[in-house]
Amino acid sequence: MPDDSPLIHSLRTAVAAAPADIPLRLHLAQLLLDAGRSDAAVAEIAAALQHAPGDTHARELMARAMGVPAPQPAPPAGPPRTGFDWTAAEEQVGDVVPPRFVETPVRADGQDDPGDADAWDVERPGGVRLADVGGMQDVKDRLEAAFLAPLRNPELRRLYGKSLRGGLLLYGPPGCGKTFIARAVAGELGAGFLSVSVNDVLDMWIGNSERNMHEVFETARRQAPCVVFLDELDALGAKRSRTAHSGMRNTVNQLLTELDGIHSDANEGVFVLAATNVPWDVDLALRRPGRLDRTLLVLPPDAPAREAILRYHLRERPIENIDLAKLAKVTDGLSGADLAHVCEAAAERALLDSARTGTVRMIGMKDLLAAAKDVVPSAEPWFASARNVAMFANEGGMYDDLVAYLKKRRKL
């Protein structure tokens, strides 16, 4: 690393003494950028975005440091035009004279549909972090290695040749928090979050689905750093050998083309996360090296995660003498959605009892234990299907994590 100038050295000392001072840290990042030290600047900006994810100046500096074109300011307005003021005249006679212009009808092929204008709004889930995900330490460790560590350590990233691009496929039974984890990754990166489902992309008109898929990635490139989350990937990227409709095959081809863009500088700062319950139905080309080549199994929550989920869903309900550790133990195997249902069912029991007796009472352990006993784990049918895949279709060790879990649970 080149020697710091006296000013940069002084600012580093000041930032170390006040790490939460965002303007001071961004001033240091600006000087590092001006000195041609973009990697060091990225580290400082990333730290600032962790404290203030929505800071406009920080995002502009990050775009500059990563080589992403910054938004161009609007051109200055020309000199005021002289002549008749049509706007003022229309306002004066608006109640008696019909408007001079009407909106152009939407074309029958949907190309000019104004409803698509806000279809790709990028969210800023800065308030959600991996610390908000209870338990699941293995999942957090894999995400740290795949995405977070390279961004926080730019010098190590350069040493090991690790880029700021990548694709990760989250798979597992439904209701286990894959979408929440993806939002947490975006929050950790200080990045935008663009969630895409099959309804956002597929269109009845030929060519529009491919155009929509391209616009998704173009939006992410303009808003970089940005996490593109492809929900229900088995619908967006189904195996083309099983797809009879040519339009669906073309959509998968377009998705492959956009993912191949990960190798280009244009996609620097675009992180692709996808989720599916049935990874064996995803087109194999999507999972080859360079695309969504890394997979992460998201299982039903472990005991610490169950305790955190139960605490979250009971936080605003009237409860008394709740032993969360005991409740987490008896709910082993339930998904996050199942645990939310347990809390809802317990609240219903207490509400009904209060209505019948005329005396309001609190939700107790008896209600929660009875509700947990009645809930059938929703993940069991998924594991029944996954067992066959793990036994007979685990080519290349693709589902080794799933095999290990099934053996541990004595389901294989």
Protein backbone atom coordinates (compact mmCIF):
# COMPACT_ATOMS: atom_id res chain seq x y z
CA MET A 1 0.00 0.00 0.00
CA PRO A 2 1.48 3.43 -0.87
CA ASP A 3 2.33 5.75 2.01
CA ASP A 4 -0.52 7.97 3.17
CA SER A 5 -0.20 11.71 2.82
CA PRO A 6 -0.20 13.66 6.12
CA LEU A 7 -3.81 14.75 5.51
CA ILE A 8 -5.03 11.22 4.76
CA HIS A 9 -3.12 9.87 7.76
CA SER A 10 -4.75 12.48 10.01
CA LEU A 11 -8.20 11.69 8.66
CA ARG A 12 -7.64 7.96 9.20
CA THR A 13 -6.81 8.70 12.84
CA ALA A 14 -9.92 10.86 13.19
CA VAL A 15 -12.15 8.19 11.61
CA ALA A 16 -10.73 5.53 13.92
CA ALA A 17 -11.66 7.74 16.87
CA ALA A 18 -15.17 8.45 15.53
CA PRO A 19 -16.19 5.50 13.30
CA ALA A 20 -19.84 6.61 13.18
CA ASP A 21 -19.00 10.08 11.79
CA ILE A 22 -20.31 9.58 8.23
CA PRO A 23 -19.27 12.98 6.71
CA LEU A 24 -15.74 12.54 8.06
CA ARG A 25 -15.44 9.01 6.64
CA LEU A 26 -16.82 10.11 3.26
CA HIS A 27 -14.32 13.01 3.16
CA LEU A 28 -11.54 10.46 3.68
CA ALA A 29 -13.02 8.29 0.89
CA GLN A 30 -13.12 11.34 -1.43
CA LEU A 31 -9.43 12.04 -0.83
CA LEU A 32 -8.55 8.38 -1.42
CA LEU A 33 -10.44 8.43 -4.72
CA ASP A 34 -8.68 11.61 -5.79
CA ALA A 35 -5.39 9.88 -4.97
CA GLY A 36 -6.27 6.95 -7.24
CA ARG A 37 -6.75 4.48 -4.37
CA SER A 38 -10.21 3.19 -5.26
CA ASP A 39 -9.95 -0.06 -3.28
CA ALA A 40 -9.25 1.75 -0.03
CA ALA A 41 -12.05 4.20 -0.86
CA VAL A 42 -14.52 1.35 -1.43
CA ALA A 43 -13.76 -0.03 2.06
CA GLU A 44 -14.45 3.35 3.68
CA ILE A 45 -17.65 3.91 1.67
CA ALA A 46 -18.92 0.41 2.48
CA ALA A 47 -18.39 1.12 6.19
CA ALA A 48 -20.30 4.39 5.82
CA LEU A 49 -23.19 2.64 4.03
CA GLN A 50 -23.47 0.18 6.91
CA HIS A 51 -24.24 3.14 9.20
CA ALA A 52 -26.32 5.11 6.68
CA PRO A 53 -27.54 2.89 3.80
CA GLY A 54 -29.60 5.67 2.24
CA ASP A 55 -26.89 8.33 2.16
CA THR A 56 -26.95 9.85 -1.35
CA HIS A 57 -23.36 11.14 -1.23
CA ALA A 58 -22.08 7.71 -0.14
CA ARG A 59 -23.91 5.95 -2.97
CA GLU A 60 -22.54 8.44 -5.52
CA LEU A 61 -19.00 7.87 -4.25
CA MET A 62 -19.52 4.08 -4.35
CA ALA A 63 -20.67 4.31 -7.97
CA ARG A 64 -17.62 6.39 -8.84
CA ALA A 65 -15.25 4.03 -6.99
CA MET A 66 -16.69 0.96 -8.73
CA GLY A 67 -16.68 2.56 -12.16
CA VAL A 68 -20.48 2.73 -12.46
CA PRO A 69 -21.72 5.76 -14.40
CA ALA A 70 -23.30 8.28 -12.06
CA PRO A 71 -26.72 9.75 -12.91
CA GLN A 72 -26.34 12.75 -15.18
CA PRO A 73 -27.88 16.02 -13.98
CA ALA A 74 -30.74 17.41 -15.97
CA PRO A 75 -29.68 19.89 -18.65
CA PRO A 76 -30.11 23.52 -17.70
CA ALA A 77 -33.34 25.11 -18.78
CA GLY A 78 -33.13 27.37 -21.78
CA PRO A 79 -34.01 31.06 -21.76
CA PRO A 80 -37.67 31.81 -21.11
CA ARG A 81 -39.78 31.77 -24.22
CA THR A 82 -41.63 34.86 -25.17
CA GLY A 83 -45.07 34.90 -26.61
CA PHE A 84 -48.50 33.71 -25.58
CA ASP A 85 -48.66 31.79 -22.26
CA TRP A 86 -50.77 28.74 -23.21
CA THR A 87 -50.47 27.19 -19.72
CA ALA A 88 -51.99 30.22 -17.99
CA ALA A 89 -54.72 30.43 -20.65
CA GLU A 90 -55.66 26.77 -20.22
CA GLU A 91 -55.92 27.22 -16.46
CA GLN A 92 -58.26 30.16 -16.88
CA VAL A 93 -60.66 28.39 -19.27
CA GLY A 94 -60.15 24.84 -18.05
CA ASP A 95 -63.68 24.57 -16.69
CA VAL A 96 -65.39 25.52 -19.95
CA VAL A 97 -63.03 24.37 -22.71
CA PRO A 98 -62.03 20.69 -23.21
CA PRO A 99 -58.29 19.89 -23.00
CA ARG A 100 -56.31 20.58 -26.16
CA PHE A 101 -54.55 17.19 -26.04
CA VAL A 102 -55.64 13.71 -24.95
CA GLU A 103 -53.54 10.70 -23.91
CA THR A 104 -52.49 8.39 -26.72
CA PRO A 105 -54.32 5.03 -26.50
CA VAL A 106 -52.19 2.10 -25.40
CA ARG A 107 -51.12 -0.11 -28.29
CA ALA A 108 -52.73 -3.51 -28.57
CA ASP A 109 -49.37 -5.31 -28.25
CA GLY A 110 -48.66 -3.76 -24.86
CA GLN A 111 -45.44 -2.01 -25.96
CA ASP A 112 -46.58 1.40 -24.70
CA ASP A 113 -48.29 0.22 -21.53
CA PRO A 114 -47.75 3.06 -19.00
CA GLY A 115 -48.24 0.60 -16.16
CA ASP A 116 -44.67 -0.68 -16.64
CA ALA A 117 -43.09 2.66 -15.77
CA ASP A 118 -42.63 1.83 -12.07
CA ALA A 119 -42.30 -1.94 -12.51
CA TRP A 120 -38.63 -2.01 -11.52
CA ASP A 121 -38.49 0.15 -8.41
CA VAL A 122 -35.38 -0.69 -6.42
CA GLU A 123 -35.93 -1.02 -2.68
CA ARG A 124 -33.45 0.03 -0.01
CA PRO A 125 -33.75 -2.59 2.76
CA GLY A 126 -31.07 -0.92 4.86
CA GLY A 127 -32.82 -1.72 8.14
CA VAL A 128 -32.53 -5.51 7.61
CA ARG A 129 -29.19 -7.14 8.43
CA LEU A 130 -27.94 -10.69 8.87
CA ALA A 131 -27.96 -10.04 12.62
CA ASP A 132 -31.76 -9.90 12.30
CA VAL A 133 -31.74 -13.50 11.04
CA GLY A 134 -31.93 -15.71 14.12
CA GLY A 135 -29.54 -18.68 14.23
CA MET A 136 -28.60 -20.24 10.86
CA GLN A 137 -24.88 -19.63 11.45
CA ASP A 138 -23.86 -21.96 8.60
CA VAL A 139 -25.96 -19.94 6.17
CA LYS A 140 -24.45 -16.67 7.41
CA ASP A 141 -20.90 -18.05 7.09
CA ARG A 142 -21.49 -19.09 3.47
CA LEU A 143 -22.96 -15.68 2.63
CA GLU A 144 -20.03 -13.94 4.30
CA ALA A 145 -17.57 -15.86 2.13
CA ALA A 146 -19.54 -15.42 -1.10
CA PHE A 147 -20.46 -11.73 -0.93
CA LEU A 148 -19.68 -9.78 2.20
CA ALA A 149 -16.00 -10.48 2.93
CA PRO A 150 -14.79 -9.47 -0.58
CA LEU A 151 -16.54 -6.11 -0.35
CA ARG A 152 -15.25 -5.35 3.15
CA ASN A 153 -11.67 -6.32 2.31
CA PRO A 154 -10.80 -4.79 -1.08
CA GLU A 155 -7.05 -5.40 -0.77
CA LEU A 156 -7.56 -9.09 -0.05
CA ARG A 157 -10.08 -9.21 -2.88
CA ARG A 158 -7.47 -7.89 -5.30
CA LEU A 159 -4.82 -10.27 -3.93
CA TYR A 160 -6.98 -13.35 -4.45
CA GLY A 161 -8.57 -12.16 -7.69
CA LYS A 162 -12.10 -12.12 -6.26
CA SER A 163 -14.55 -9.92 -8.18
CA LEU A 164 -17.56 -8.05 -6.83
CA ARG A 165 -19.84 -10.12 -9.05
CA GLY A 166 -21.48 -13.43 -8.37
CA GLY A 167 -24.57 -15.63 -8.35
CA LEU A 168 -25.97 -17.74 -5.52
CA LEU A 169 -28.95 -20.12 -5.51
CA LEU A 170 -30.88 -20.54 -2.25
CA TYR A 171 -32.95 -23.69 -2.11
CA GLY A 172 -34.92 -25.60 0.48
CA PRO A 173 -38.46 -26.19 1.78
CA PRO A 174 -40.99 -23.34 1.61
CA GLY A 175 -41.45 -20.95 4.49
CA CYS A 176 -37.86 -21.06 5.77
CA GLY A 177 -36.83 -17.45 5.09
CA LYS A 178 -35.02 -17.48 1.75
CA THR A 179 -36.46 -14.09 0.74
CA PHE A 180 -35.68 -12.56 4.14
CA ILE A 181 -32.08 -13.76 3.91
CA ALA A 182 -31.74 -12.18 0.46
CA ARG A 183 -32.99 -8.85 1.84
CA ALA A 184 -30.52 -9.13 4.71
CA VAL A 185 -27.65 -9.60 2.23
CA ALA A 186 -28.70 -6.40 0.44
CA GLY A 187 -28.81 -4.60 3.79
CA GLU A 188 -25.32 -5.81 4.70
CA LEU A 189 -23.97 -4.63 1.35
CA GLY A 190 -25.68 -1.26 1.59
CA ALA A 191 -27.10 -2.19 -1.81
CA GLY A 192 -30.45 -1.84 -3.50
CA PHE A 193 -32.84 -4.79 -3.63
CA LEU A 194 -34.72 -5.69 -6.81
CA SER A 195 -37.12 -8.60 -6.32
CA VAL A 196 -38.33 -10.29 -9.51
CA SER A 197 -41.01 -12.97 -9.85
CA VAL A 198 -42.49 -14.78 -12.82
CA ASN A 199 -45.46 -12.37 -12.89
CA ASP A 200 -43.09 -9.42 -13.34
CA VAL A 201 -41.38 -10.92 -16.38
CA LEU A 202 -43.79 -13.11 -18.38
CA ASP A 203 -45.96 -11.34 -20.93
CA MET A 204 -48.54 -12.58 -23.41
CA TRP A 205 -46.94 -10.70 -26.32
CA ILE A 206 -44.03 -12.25 -28.20
CA GLY A 207 -40.72 -10.64 -27.26
CA ASN A 208 -41.99 -8.70 -24.25
CA SER A 209 -40.87 -11.30 -21.71
CA GLU A 210 -37.31 -11.17 -23.01
CA ARG A 211 -37.43 -7.37 -23.00
CA ASN A 212 -38.67 -7.37 -19.39
CA MET A 213 -35.85 -9.68 -18.33
CA HIS A 214 -33.28 -7.41 -19.98
CA GLU A 215 -34.77 -4.31 -18.34
CA VAL A 216 -34.51 -5.95 -14.91
CA PHE A 217 -30.74 -6.28 -15.27
CA GLU A 218 -30.35 -2.88 -16.92
CA THR A 219 -32.09 -1.31 -13.92
CA ALA A 220 -29.78 -3.18 -11.54
CA ARG A 221 -26.71 -1.98 -13.48
CA ARG A 222 -27.89 1.63 -13.28
CA GLN A 223 -28.59 1.29 -9.54
CA ALA A 224 -25.41 -0.66 -8.65
CA PRO A 225 -24.53 -1.83 -6.10
CA CYS A 226 -27.75 -3.82 -6.33
CA VAL A 227 -28.97 -7.31 -5.40
CA VAL A 228 -31.23 -8.92 -8.02
CA PHE A 229 -33.40 -11.51 -6.31
CA LEU A 230 -35.03 -14.03 -8.68
CA ASP A 231 -37.88 -15.56 -6.71
CA GLU A 232 -39.24 -18.99 -7.70
CA LEU A 233 -36.41 -19.61 -10.16
CA ASP A 234 -38.00 -22.89 -11.24
CA ALA A 235 -40.73 -20.80 -12.93
CA LEU A 236 -38.37 -18.22 -14.49
CA GLY A 237 -35.70 -20.75 -15.45
CA ALA A 238 -37.49 -24.06 -15.92
CA LYS A 239 -35.76 -26.83 -17.83
CA ARG A 240 -36.11 -26.02 -21.51
CA SER A 241 -36.31 -29.72 -22.38
CA ARG A 242 -39.65 -29.83 -20.54
CA THR A 243 -40.95 -26.51 -21.84
CA ALA A 244 -43.32 -26.82 -24.77
CA HIS A 245 -43.91 -23.09 -25.26
CA SER A 246 -41.18 -21.40 -27.31
CA GLY A 247 -41.75 -18.07 -25.53
CA MET A 248 -40.79 -19.59 -22.19
CA ARG A 249 -37.65 -21.11 -23.71
CA ASN A 250 -36.70 -17.71 -25.13
CA THR A 251 -37.14 -16.16 -21.67
CA VAL A 252 -34.75 -18.72 -20.17
CA ASN A 253 -32.28 -17.98 -23.00
CA GLN A 254 -32.48 -14.27 -22.20
CA LEU A 255 -31.84 -14.96 -18.52
CA LEU A 256 -28.75 -16.98 -19.47
CA THR A 257 -27.53 -14.07 -21.60
CA GLU A 258 -27.96 -11.60 -18.74
CA LEU A 259 -26.18 -13.90 -16.28
CA ASP A 260 -23.28 -14.26 -18.72
CA GLY A 261 -22.99 -10.48 -18.44
CA ILE A 262 -21.68 -11.10 -14.93
CA HIS A 263 -18.28 -11.64 -16.55
CA SER A 264 -18.27 -8.14 -18.01
CA ASP A 265 -17.42 -4.87 -16.31
CA ALA A 266 -20.96 -3.67 -17.01
CA ASN A 267 -22.27 -5.97 -14.27
CA GLU A 268 -19.74 -4.96 -11.65
CA GLY A 269 -21.61 -4.46 -8.40
CA VAL A 270 -24.65 -6.52 -9.50
CA PHE A 271 -25.21 -9.48 -7.18
CA VAL A 272 -27.64 -12.18 -8.33
CA LEU A 273 -29.47 -14.25 -5.74
CA ALA A 274 -32.16 -16.76 -6.67
CA ALA A 275 -34.49 -18.94 -4.63
CA THR A 276 -36.42 -22.09 -5.41
CA ASN A 277 -38.10 -24.97 -3.63
CA VAL A 278 -37.31 -27.39 -6.45
CA PRO A 279 -33.75 -26.86 -7.74
CA TRP A 280 -33.96 -30.13 -9.68
CA ASP A 281 -36.49 -28.45 -11.99
CA VAL A 282 -34.14 -25.55 -12.81
CA ASP A 283 -32.44 -25.61 -16.22
CA LEU A 284 -28.97 -27.08 -15.82
CA ALA A 285 -27.41 -24.31 -17.91
CA LEU A 286 -28.34 -21.81 -15.20
CA ARG A 287 -26.21 -23.69 -12.70
CA ARG A 288 -23.04 -24.10 -14.67
CA PRO A 289 -19.86 -22.31 -13.42
CA GLY A 290 -20.05 -18.57 -13.94
CA ARG A 291 -23.80 -18.29 -13.51
CA LEU A 292 -25.70 -19.50 -10.43
CA ASP A 293 -22.90 -21.91 -9.68
CA ARG A 294 -23.01 -21.70 -5.88
CA THR A 295 -25.90 -23.24 -3.96
CA LEU A 296 -26.96 -22.79 -0.37
CA LEU A 297 -29.44 -25.05 1.40
CA VAL A 298 -31.83 -23.10 3.66
CA LEU A 299 -33.38 -25.55 6.11
CA PRO A 300 -36.06 -25.22 8.79
CA PRO A 301 -34.78 -22.96 11.56
CA ASP A 302 -32.56 -24.36 14.29
CA ALA A 303 -33.31 -23.87 18.00
CA PRO A 304 -31.87 -20.31 18.33
CA ALA A 305 -33.67 -19.28 15.13
CA ARG A 306 -36.97 -20.79 16.34
CA GLU A 307 -36.66 -18.92 19.60
CA ALA A 308 -36.01 -15.64 17.76
CA ILE A 309 -38.96 -16.20 15.39
CA LEU A 310 -41.33 -17.02 18.25
CA ARG A 311 -40.17 -13.96 20.17
CA TYR A 312 -40.81 -11.80 17.09
CA HIS A 313 -44.36 -13.07 16.53
CA LEU A 314 -45.28 -12.79 20.21
CA ARG A 315 -43.73 -9.37 20.81
CA GLU A 316 -46.98 -7.38 20.51
CA ARG A 317 -49.37 -9.98 21.95
CA PRO A 318 -50.50 -10.22 25.61
CA ILE A 319 -48.44 -13.11 26.98
CA GLU A 320 -47.36 -14.36 30.40
CA ASN A 321 -44.87 -16.92 31.71
CA ILE A 322 -43.69 -18.02 28.25
CA ASP A 323 -40.70 -20.38 28.26
CA LEU A 324 -39.26 -19.76 24.81
CA ALA A 325 -36.50 -22.37 25.22
CA LYS A 326 -39.04 -25.11 25.95
CA LEU A 327 -41.30 -23.92 23.15
CA ALA A 328 -38.37 -23.92 20.70
CA LYS A 329 -37.57 -27.50 21.71
CA VAL A 330 -41.09 -28.85 21.09
CA THR A 331 -41.35 -27.06 17.72
CA ASP A 332 -38.32 -28.81 16.21
CA GLY A 333 -38.86 -29.35 12.47
CA LEU A 334 -41.31 -26.48 11.99
CA SER A 335 -40.58 -23.82 9.40
CA GLY A 336 -40.73 -20.10 10.04
CA ALA A 337 -44.20 -19.97 8.51
CA ASP A 338 -45.30 -22.84 10.77
CA LEU A 339 -44.05 -20.98 13.85
CA ALA A 340 -45.98 -17.87 12.83
CA HIS A 341 -49.08 -20.07 12.53
CA VAL A 342 -48.47 -21.52 16.02
CA CYS A 343 -48.51 -18.00 17.50
CA GLU A 344 -51.64 -17.11 15.51
CA ALA A 345 -53.46 -20.28 16.61
CA ALA A 346 -52.51 -19.70 20.27
CA ALA A 347 -53.86 -16.15 20.05
CA GLU A 348 -57.12 -17.50 18.59
CA ARG A 349 -57.50 -19.95 21.50
CA ALA A 350 -57.05 -17.20 24.08
CA LEU A 351 -59.36 -14.84 22.19
CA LEU A 352 -62.13 -17.44 21.90
CA ASP A 353 -61.81 -18.36 25.57
CA SER A 354 -62.00 -14.69 26.57
CA ALA A 355 -65.10 -14.19 24.40
CA ARG A 356 -66.85 -17.21 25.92
CA THR A 357 -66.07 -16.41 29.57
CA GLY A 358 -66.34 -12.62 29.33
CA THR A 359 -62.93 -12.29 31.03
CA VAL A 360 -59.89 -11.21 29.06
CA ARG A 361 -56.88 -13.41 29.76
CA MET A 362 -53.28 -13.57 28.60
CA ILE A 363 -51.77 -16.07 26.15
CA GLY A 364 -49.96 -18.76 28.13
CA MET A 365 -47.73 -21.75 27.52
CA LYS A 366 -50.78 -24.02 27.51
CA ASP A 367 -52.16 -22.22 24.45
CA LEU A 368 -48.85 -22.31 22.60
CA LEU A 369 -48.13 -25.97 23.37
CA ALA A 370 -51.62 -26.99 22.25
CA ALA A 371 -51.23 -24.98 19.03
CA ALA A 372 -47.81 -26.51 18.36
CA LYS A 373 -49.22 -30.00 18.84
CA ASP A 374 -51.89 -29.37 16.20
CA VAL A 375 -49.50 -27.98 13.56
CA VAL A 376 -48.16 -30.50 11.04
CA PRO A 377 -44.68 -29.53 9.74
CA SER A 378 -45.25 -28.09 6.29
CA ALA A 379 -41.74 -29.08 5.17
CA GLU A 380 -42.39 -32.84 5.42
CA PRO A 381 -43.88 -33.21 1.90
CA TRP A 382 -40.86 -31.33 0.53
CA PHE A 383 -38.43 -33.66 2.27
CA ALA A 384 -40.37 -36.66 0.93
CA SER A 385 -39.71 -35.44 -2.63
CA ALA A 386 -36.16 -34.30 -1.90
CA ARG A 387 -35.26 -37.70 -0.46
CA ASN A 388 -35.62 -39.34 -3.87
CA VAL A 389 -33.48 -36.67 -5.49
CA ALA A 390 -30.79 -37.01 -2.82
CA MET A 391 -30.71 -40.79 -3.24
CA PHE A 392 -30.87 -41.15 -7.01
CA ALA A 393 -30.02 -37.79 -8.65
CA ASN A 394 -27.10 -36.36 -6.72
CA GLU A 395 -24.77 -36.06 -9.69
CA GLY A 396 -21.47 -34.44 -8.83
CA GLY A 397 -22.41 -34.00 -5.17
CA MET A 398 -24.83 -31.19 -5.98
CA TYR A 399 -27.07 -32.06 -3.02
CA ASP A 400 -24.46 -33.26 -0.51
CA ASP A 401 -25.72 -30.75 2.09
CA LEU A 402 -29.22 -32.15 1.73
CA VAL A 403 -27.96 -35.74 2.04
CA ALA A 404 -26.05 -34.86 5.23
CA TYR A 405 -29.13 -33.23 6.76
CA LEU A 406 -31.39 -36.17 5.90
CA LYS A 407 -28.90 -38.60 7.41
CA LYS A 408 -28.63 -36.48 10.55
CA ARG A 409 -32.42 -36.44 10.87
CA ARG A 410 -32.54 -40.17 10.06
CA LYS A 411 -34.75 -39.55 7.05
CA LEU A 412 -32.47 -41.28 4.57
